[in-house]
């Protein structure tokens, strides 16, 4: 990661970044085992764990950001300030240790794709229904026990993957998802579907 070989990783060397007119519009801090190599042996992985554990509150200051990828780290929570990123179109949080999402996630009115597979989520906040631009939601391999009634407000939703959870029922409002093309409910605890 130390591209200029000065012995430290500076902010512009951290992760994958795309800038437009001096504004950061894409940030990828995915843990990439393919680039974490031993300095003296490029064919071997460094045994040190470089996964990130904390997302700073000031991430909310990146108000031009459109794409944020934080895959395969060790995050247990997301700061409320994430709700300030109202230009976000895609956020990838899969393969972390998240047990909940902040209520402010509902502020992301331009979000089209939310990827939260492989976490520890037992519920989604009621504010998820405020994501009026959401087209794709991937929430497989969590521990979701229910979906909020506000789910029916996601009328642009086209893809919904909520397989491998612990859902015992679905909200009646799921019938309001008129643009839904793909629905995966495999491996849940469902004994039936809503009459709607």
C-alpha atoms as a PDB file:
ATOM      1  CA  UNK A   1       0.000   0.000   0.000  1.00  0.00           C
ATOM      2  CA  UNK A   2       2.964   2.313   0.573  1.00  0.00           C
ATOM      3  CA  UNK A   3       3.226   3.456  -3.043  1.00  0.00           C
ATOM      4  CA  UNK A   4       5.890   6.104  -2.508  1.00  0.00           C
ATOM      5  CA  UNK A   5       7.968   3.832  -0.212  1.00  0.00           C
ATOM      6  CA  UNK A   6       8.333   6.402   2.556  1.00  0.00           C
ATOM      7  CA  UNK A   7       7.582   3.863   5.284  1.00  0.00           C
ATOM      8  CA  UNK A   8       4.032   4.963   6.051  1.00  0.00           C
ATOM      9  CA  UNK A   9       0.621   4.683   4.451  1.00  0.00           C
ATOM     10  CA  UNK A  10      -0.746   8.154   3.808  1.00  0.00           C
ATOM     11  CA  UNK A  11      -4.399   9.058   3.297  1.00  0.00           C
ATOM     12  CA  UNK A  12      -4.206   9.098  -0.506  1.00  0.00           C
ATOM     13  CA  UNK A  13      -2.589   5.651  -0.481  1.00  0.00           C
ATOM     14  CA  UNK A  14      -5.257   4.107   1.730  1.00  0.00           C
ATOM     15  CA  UNK A  15      -7.603   1.779  -0.098  1.00  0.00           C
ATOM     16  CA  UNK A  16      -8.878   2.358  -3.623  1.00  0.00           C
ATOM     17  CA  UNK A  17     -10.063   5.909  -4.283  1.00  0.00           C
ATOM     18  CA  UNK A  18     -11.738   7.750  -7.142  1.00  0.00           C
ATOM     19  CA  UNK A  19     -11.743  11.544  -7.122  1.00  0.00           C
ATOM     20  CA  UNK A  20     -13.709  14.000  -9.266  1.00  0.00           C
ATOM     21  CA  UNK A  21     -12.939  17.731  -9.206  1.00  0.00           C
ATOM     22  CA  UNK A  22     -11.172  17.416  -5.879  1.00  0.00           C
ATOM     23  CA  UNK A  23     -14.005  15.449  -4.250  1.00  0.00           C
ATOM     24  CA  UNK A  24     -13.824  11.814  -3.188  1.00  0.00           C
ATOM     25  CA  UNK A  25     -16.646   9.951  -4.964  1.00  0.00           C
ATOM     26  CA  UNK A  26     -15.592   6.309  -4.469  1.00  0.00           C
ATOM     27  CA  UNK A  27     -13.803   4.710  -1.530  1.00  0.00           C
ATOM     28  CA  UNK A  28     -13.014   1.007  -1.322  1.00  0.00           C
ATOM     29  CA  UNK A  29     -11.524  -0.150   1.986  1.00  0.00           C
ATOM     30  CA  UNK A  30     -12.208  -3.822   1.354  1.00  0.00           C
ATOM     31  CA  UNK A  31      -9.650  -6.116   2.933  1.00  0.00           C
ATOM     32  CA  UNK A  32      -7.739  -7.513  -0.005  1.00  0.00           C
ATOM     33  CA  UNK A  33      -5.661 -10.534   0.938  1.00  0.00           C
ATOM     34  CA  UNK A  34      -4.109 -10.530  -2.530  1.00  0.00           C
ATOM     35  CA  UNK A  35      -2.185  -7.312  -1.876  1.00  0.00           C
ATOM     36  CA  UNK A  36      -1.168  -7.950   1.740  1.00  0.00           C
ATOM     37  CA  UNK A  37       2.066  -9.784   1.051  1.00  0.00           C
ATOM     38  CA  UNK A  38       5.243 -10.366   2.985  1.00  0.00           C
ATOM     39  CA  UNK A  39       7.822  -7.822   1.877  1.00  0.00           C
ATOM     40  CA  UNK A  40      10.580 -10.402   1.605  1.00  0.00           C
ATOM     41  CA  UNK A  41       8.385 -13.045  -0.041  1.00  0.00           C
ATOM     42  CA  UNK A  42       5.749 -11.670  -2.460  1.00  0.00           C
ATOM     43  CA  UNK A  43       4.197 -15.132  -2.846  1.00  0.00           C
ATOM     44  CA  UNK A  44       3.247 -15.375   0.865  1.00  0.00           C
ATOM     45  CA  UNK A  45       0.586 -13.508   2.810  1.00  0.00           C
ATOM     46  CA  UNK A  46       1.669 -11.424   5.741  1.00  0.00           C
ATOM     47  CA  UNK A  47       0.277 -13.114   8.888  1.00  0.00           C
ATOM     48  CA  UNK A  48      -0.616  -9.736  10.415  1.00  0.00           C
ATOM     49  CA  UNK A  49      -4.325  -8.924  10.363  1.00  0.00           C
ATOM     50  CA  UNK A  50      -4.874  -5.674   8.508  1.00  0.00           C
ATOM     51  CA  UNK A  51      -8.674  -5.736   8.708  1.00  0.00           C
ATOM     52  CA  UNK A  52     -10.220  -2.482   9.875  1.00  0.00           C
ATOM     53  CA  UNK A  53     -12.192  -2.438  13.129  1.00  0.00           C
ATOM     54  CA  UNK A  54     -13.540   1.118  13.426  1.00  0.00           C
ATOM     55  CA  UNK A  55     -15.253   3.499  11.023  1.00  0.00           C
ATOM     56  CA  UNK A  56     -14.576   7.054  12.238  1.00  0.00           C
ATOM     57  CA  UNK A  57     -17.523   9.384  12.876  1.00  0.00           C
ATOM     58  CA  UNK A  58     -16.135  11.908  10.419  1.00  0.00           C
ATOM     59  CA  UNK A  59     -16.842   9.547   7.524  1.00  0.00           C
ATOM     60  CA  UNK A  60     -20.029  11.596   7.314  1.00  0.00           C
ATOM     61  CA  UNK A  61     -17.937  14.516   6.043  1.00  0.00           C
ATOM     62  CA  UNK A  62     -17.351  12.742   2.709  1.00  0.00           C
ATOM     63  CA  UNK A  63     -20.554  14.258   1.378  1.00  0.00           C
ATOM     64  CA  UNK A  64     -19.724  13.738  -2.330  1.00  0.00           C
ATOM     65  CA  UNK A  65     -19.219   9.991  -1.901  1.00  0.00           C
ATOM     66  CA  UNK A  66     -21.266   7.807  -4.275  1.00  0.00           C
ATOM     67  CA  UNK A  67     -19.742   4.369  -3.660  1.00  0.00           C
ATOM     68  CA  UNK A  68     -18.463   3.018  -0.340  1.00  0.00           C
ATOM     69  CA  UNK A  69     -17.070  -0.518   0.004  1.00  0.00           C
ATOM     70  CA  UNK A  70     -16.044  -1.823   3.415  1.00  0.00           C
ATOM     71  CA  UNK A  71     -16.189  -5.561   2.722  1.00  0.00           C
ATOM     72  CA  UNK A  72     -14.389  -8.242   4.746  1.00  0.00           C
ATOM     73  CA  UNK A  73     -13.242  -6.228   7.719  1.00  0.00           C
ATOM     74  CA  UNK A  74     -14.081  -6.459  11.430  1.00  0.00           C
ATOM     75  CA  UNK A  75     -16.608  -3.683  11.859  1.00  0.00           C
ATOM     76  CA  UNK A  76     -19.165  -4.244  14.617  1.00  0.00           C
ATOM     77  CA  UNK A  77     -21.030  -0.982  14.108  1.00  0.00           C
ATOM     78  CA  UNK A  78     -21.588   1.851  11.650  1.00  0.00           C
ATOM     79  CA  UNK A  79     -21.624   5.456  12.925  1.00  0.00           C
ATOM     80  CA  UNK A  80     -24.856   7.486  12.714  1.00  0.00           C
ATOM     81  CA  UNK A  81     -22.917   9.991  10.591  1.00  0.00           C
ATOM     82  CA  UNK A  82     -23.248   7.567   7.651  1.00  0.00           C
ATOM     83  CA  UNK A  83     -26.648   9.190   7.175  1.00  0.00           C
ATOM     84  CA  UNK A  84     -24.912  12.378   6.016  1.00  0.00           C
ATOM     85  CA  UNK A  85     -23.730  10.646   2.837  1.00  0.00           C
ATOM     86  CA  UNK A  86     -26.909  11.467   0.947  1.00  0.00           C
ATOM     87  CA  UNK A  87     -25.242  11.082  -2.468  1.00  0.00           C
ATOM     88  CA  UNK A  88     -24.341   7.446  -1.812  1.00  0.00           C
ATOM     89  CA  UNK A  89     -25.613   5.120  -4.530  1.00  0.00           C
ATOM     90  CA  UNK A  90     -23.965   1.897  -3.371  1.00  0.00           C
ATOM     91  CA  UNK A  91     -22.675   0.651  -0.037  1.00  0.00           C
ATOM     92  CA  UNK A  92     -21.046  -2.734   0.535  1.00  0.00           C
ATOM     93  CA  UNK A  93     -20.740  -3.899   4.154  1.00  0.00           C
ATOM     94  CA  UNK A  94     -20.713  -7.677   3.747  1.00  0.00           C
ATOM     95  CA  UNK A  95     -18.434 -10.011   5.703  1.00  0.00           C
ATOM     96  CA  UNK A  96     -18.237  -7.941   8.866  1.00  0.00           C
ATOM     97  CA  UNK A  97     -19.636  -8.343  12.394  1.00  0.00           C
ATOM     98  CA  UNK A  98     -22.492  -5.847  12.303  1.00  0.00           C
ATOM     99  CA  UNK A  99     -25.331  -6.552  14.739  1.00  0.00           C
ATOM    100  CA  UNK A 100     -27.415  -3.532  13.691  1.00  0.00           C
ATOM    101  CA  UNK A 101     -27.585  -0.646  11.241  1.00  0.00           C
ATOM    102  CA  UNK A 102     -27.989   2.955  12.406  1.00  0.00           C
ATOM    103  CA  UNK A 103     -31.420   4.591  12.023  1.00  0.00           C
ATOM    104  CA  UNK A 104     -29.742   7.287   9.944  1.00  0.00           C
ATOM    105  CA  UNK A 105     -29.376   4.769   7.097  1.00  0.00           C
ATOM    106  CA  UNK A 106     -32.838   5.914   6.056  1.00  0.00           C
ATOM    107  CA  UNK A 107     -31.366   9.301   5.070  1.00  0.00           C
ATOM    108  CA  UNK A 108     -29.585   7.740   2.081  1.00  0.00           C
ATOM    109  CA  UNK A 109     -32.299   8.707  -0.384  1.00  0.00           C
ATOM    110  CA  UNK A 110     -30.107   8.100  -3.458  1.00  0.00           C
ATOM    111  CA  UNK A 111     -28.956   4.639  -2.368  1.00  0.00           C
ATOM    112  CA  UNK A 112     -29.677   2.072  -5.077  1.00  0.00           C
ATOM    113  CA  UNK A 113     -27.741  -0.927  -3.768  1.00  0.00           C
ATOM    114  CA  UNK A 114     -27.223  -2.096  -0.174  1.00  0.00           C
ATOM    115  CA  UNK A 115     -25.032  -5.164   0.379  1.00  0.00           C
ATOM    116  CA  UNK A 116     -25.013  -6.433   3.977  1.00  0.00           C
ATOM    117  CA  UNK A 117     -24.564 -10.211   3.534  1.00  0.00           C
ATOM    118  CA  UNK A 118     -22.636 -12.227   6.128  1.00  0.00           C
ATOM    119  CA  UNK A 119     -23.055 -10.122   9.248  1.00  0.00           C
ATOM    120  CA  UNK A 120     -24.821 -10.672  12.578  1.00  0.00           C
ATOM    121  CA  UNK A 121     -27.941  -8.597  11.883  1.00  0.00           C
ATOM    122  CA  UNK A 122     -31.086  -9.707  13.744  1.00  0.00           C
ATOM    123  CA  UNK A 123     -33.285  -6.865  12.453  1.00  0.00           C
ATOM    124  CA  UNK A 124     -33.315  -3.962  10.004  1.00  0.00           C
ATOM    125  CA  UNK A 125     -34.302  -0.512  11.269  1.00  0.00           C
ATOM    126  CA  UNK A 126     -37.775   0.800  10.464  1.00  0.00           C
ATOM    127  CA  UNK A 127     -36.064   3.633   8.572  1.00  0.00           C
ATOM    128  CA  UNK A 128     -35.001   1.136   5.888  1.00  0.00           C
ATOM    129  CA  UNK A 129     -38.345   1.959   4.300  1.00  0.00           C
ATOM    130  CA  UNK A 130     -37.119   5.501   3.643  1.00  0.00           C
ATOM    131  CA  UNK A 131     -34.613   4.302   1.017  1.00  0.00           C
ATOM    132  CA  UNK A 132     -36.811   5.494  -1.834  1.00  0.00           C
ATOM    133  CA  UNK A 133     -34.223   4.784  -4.573  1.00  0.00           C
ATOM    134  CA  UNK A 134     -33.239   1.288  -3.406  1.00  0.00           C
ATOM    135  CA  UNK A 135     -33.236  -1.270  -6.233  1.00  0.00           C
ATOM    136  CA  UNK A 136     -31.076  -4.071  -4.811  1.00  0.00           C
ATOM    137  CA  UNK A 137     -30.904  -5.348  -1.240  1.00  0.00           C
ATOM    138  CA  UNK A 138     -28.611  -8.237  -0.383  1.00  0.00           C
ATOM    139  CA  UNK A 139     -28.992  -9.365   3.229  1.00  0.00           C
ATOM    140  CA  UNK A 140     -28.220 -13.086   3.065  1.00  0.00           C
ATOM    141  CA  UNK A 141     -26.515 -15.058   5.818  1.00  0.00           C
ATOM    142  CA  UNK A 142     -27.492 -12.880   8.734  1.00  0.00           C
ATOM    143  CA  UNK A 143     -29.769 -13.655  11.690  1.00  0.00           C
ATOM    144  CA  UNK A 144     -32.781 -11.585  10.664  1.00  0.00           C
ATOM    145  CA  UNK A 145     -35.852 -12.551  12.688  1.00  0.00           C
ATOM    146  CA  UNK A 146     -38.320 -10.194  10.988  1.00  0.00           C
ATOM    147  CA  UNK A 147     -38.613  -7.440   8.410  1.00  0.00           C
ATOM    148  CA  UNK A 148     -40.106  -4.070   9.365  1.00  0.00           C
ATOM    149  CA  UNK A 149     -43.562  -3.149   8.040  1.00  0.00           C
ATOM    150  CA  UNK A 150     -41.940  -0.145   6.325  1.00  0.00           C
ATOM    151  CA  UNK A 151     -40.415  -2.624   3.873  1.00  0.00           C
ATOM    152  CA  UNK A 152     -43.422  -2.092   1.626  1.00  0.00           C
ATOM    153  CA  UNK A 153     -42.274   1.487   0.979  1.00  0.00           C
ATOM    154  CA  UNK A 154     -39.346   0.212  -1.104  1.00  0.00           C
ATOM    155  CA  UNK A 155     -41.397   0.424  -4.289  1.00  0.00           C
ATOM    156  CA  UNK A 156     -38.319   0.617  -6.569  1.00  0.00           C
ATOM    157  CA  UNK A 157     -36.856  -2.592  -5.150  1.00  0.00           C
ATOM    158  CA  UNK A 158     -36.078  -5.114  -7.898  1.00  0.00           C
ATOM    159  CA  UNK A 159     -33.783  -7.638  -6.187  1.00  0.00           C
ATOM    160  CA  UNK A 160     -34.263  -8.904  -2.638  1.00  0.00           C
ATOM    161  CA  UNK A 161     -31.976 -11.604  -1.266  1.00  0.00           C
ATOM    162  CA  UNK A 162     -32.822 -12.479   2.341  1.00  0.00           C
ATOM    163  CA  UNK A 163     -31.966 -16.161   2.248  1.00  0.00           C
ATOM    164  CA  UNK A 164     -30.156 -17.913   5.105  1.00  0.00           C
ATOM    165  CA  UNK A 165     -31.713 -15.921   7.926  1.00  0.00           C
ATOM    166  CA  UNK A 166     -34.153 -16.743  10.729  1.00  0.00           C
ATOM    167  CA  UNK A 167     -37.314 -15.169   9.327  1.00  0.00           C
ATOM    168  CA  UNK A 168     -40.457 -16.828  10.680  1.00  0.00           C
ATOM    169  CA  UNK A 169     -42.830 -14.536   8.768  1.00  0.00           C
ATOM    170  CA  UNK A 170     -42.955 -11.719   6.245  1.00  0.00           C
ATOM    171  CA  UNK A 171     -44.793  -8.406   6.639  1.00  0.00           C
ATOM    172  CA  UNK A 172     -48.081  -7.974   4.752  1.00  0.00           C
ATOM    173  CA  UNK A 173     -46.533  -4.905   3.122  1.00  0.00           C
ATOM    174  CA  UNK A 174     -44.192  -7.093   1.079  1.00  0.00           C
ATOM    175  CA  UNK A 175     -46.977  -7.281  -1.503  1.00  0.00           C
ATOM    176  CA  UNK A 176     -46.410  -3.569  -2.218  1.00  0.00           C
ATOM    177  CA  UNK A 177     -43.043  -4.320  -3.852  1.00  0.00           C
ATOM    178  CA  UNK A 178     -44.493  -4.117  -7.355  1.00  0.00           C
ATOM    179  CA  UNK A 179     -41.135  -3.897  -9.150  1.00  0.00           C
ATOM    180  CA  UNK A 180     -39.644  -6.972  -7.484  1.00  0.00           C
ATOM    181  CA  UNK A 181     -38.042  -9.308 -10.055  1.00  0.00           C
ATOM    182  CA  UNK A 182     -35.794 -11.467  -7.874  1.00  0.00           C
ATOM    183  CA  UNK A 183     -36.733 -12.798  -4.448  1.00  0.00           C
ATOM    184  CA  UNK A 184     -34.678 -15.363  -2.538  1.00  0.00           C
ATOM    185  CA  UNK A 185     -36.149 -16.654   0.743  1.00  0.00           C
ATOM    186  CA  UNK A 186     -34.261 -19.980   0.939  1.00  0.00           C
ATOM    187  CA  UNK A 187     -33.248 -21.355   4.318  1.00  0.00           C
ATOM    188  CA  UNK A 188     -35.408 -19.343   6.678  1.00  0.00           C
ATOM    189  CA  UNK A 189     -37.979 -20.487   9.260  1.00  0.00           C
ATOM    190  CA  UNK A 190     -41.042 -19.549   7.191  1.00  0.00           C
ATOM    191  CA  UNK A 191     -44.121 -21.700   7.631  1.00  0.00           C
ATOM    192  CA  UNK A 192     -46.242 -19.647   5.241  1.00  0.00           C
ATOM    193  CA  UNK A 193     -46.556 -16.436   3.271  1.00  0.00           C
ATOM    194  CA  UNK A 194     -48.755 -13.399   3.906  1.00  0.00           C
ATOM    195  CA  UNK A 195     -52.179 -13.583   2.249  1.00  0.00           C
ATOM    196  CA  UNK A 196     -51.295 -10.408   0.368  1.00  0.00           C
END
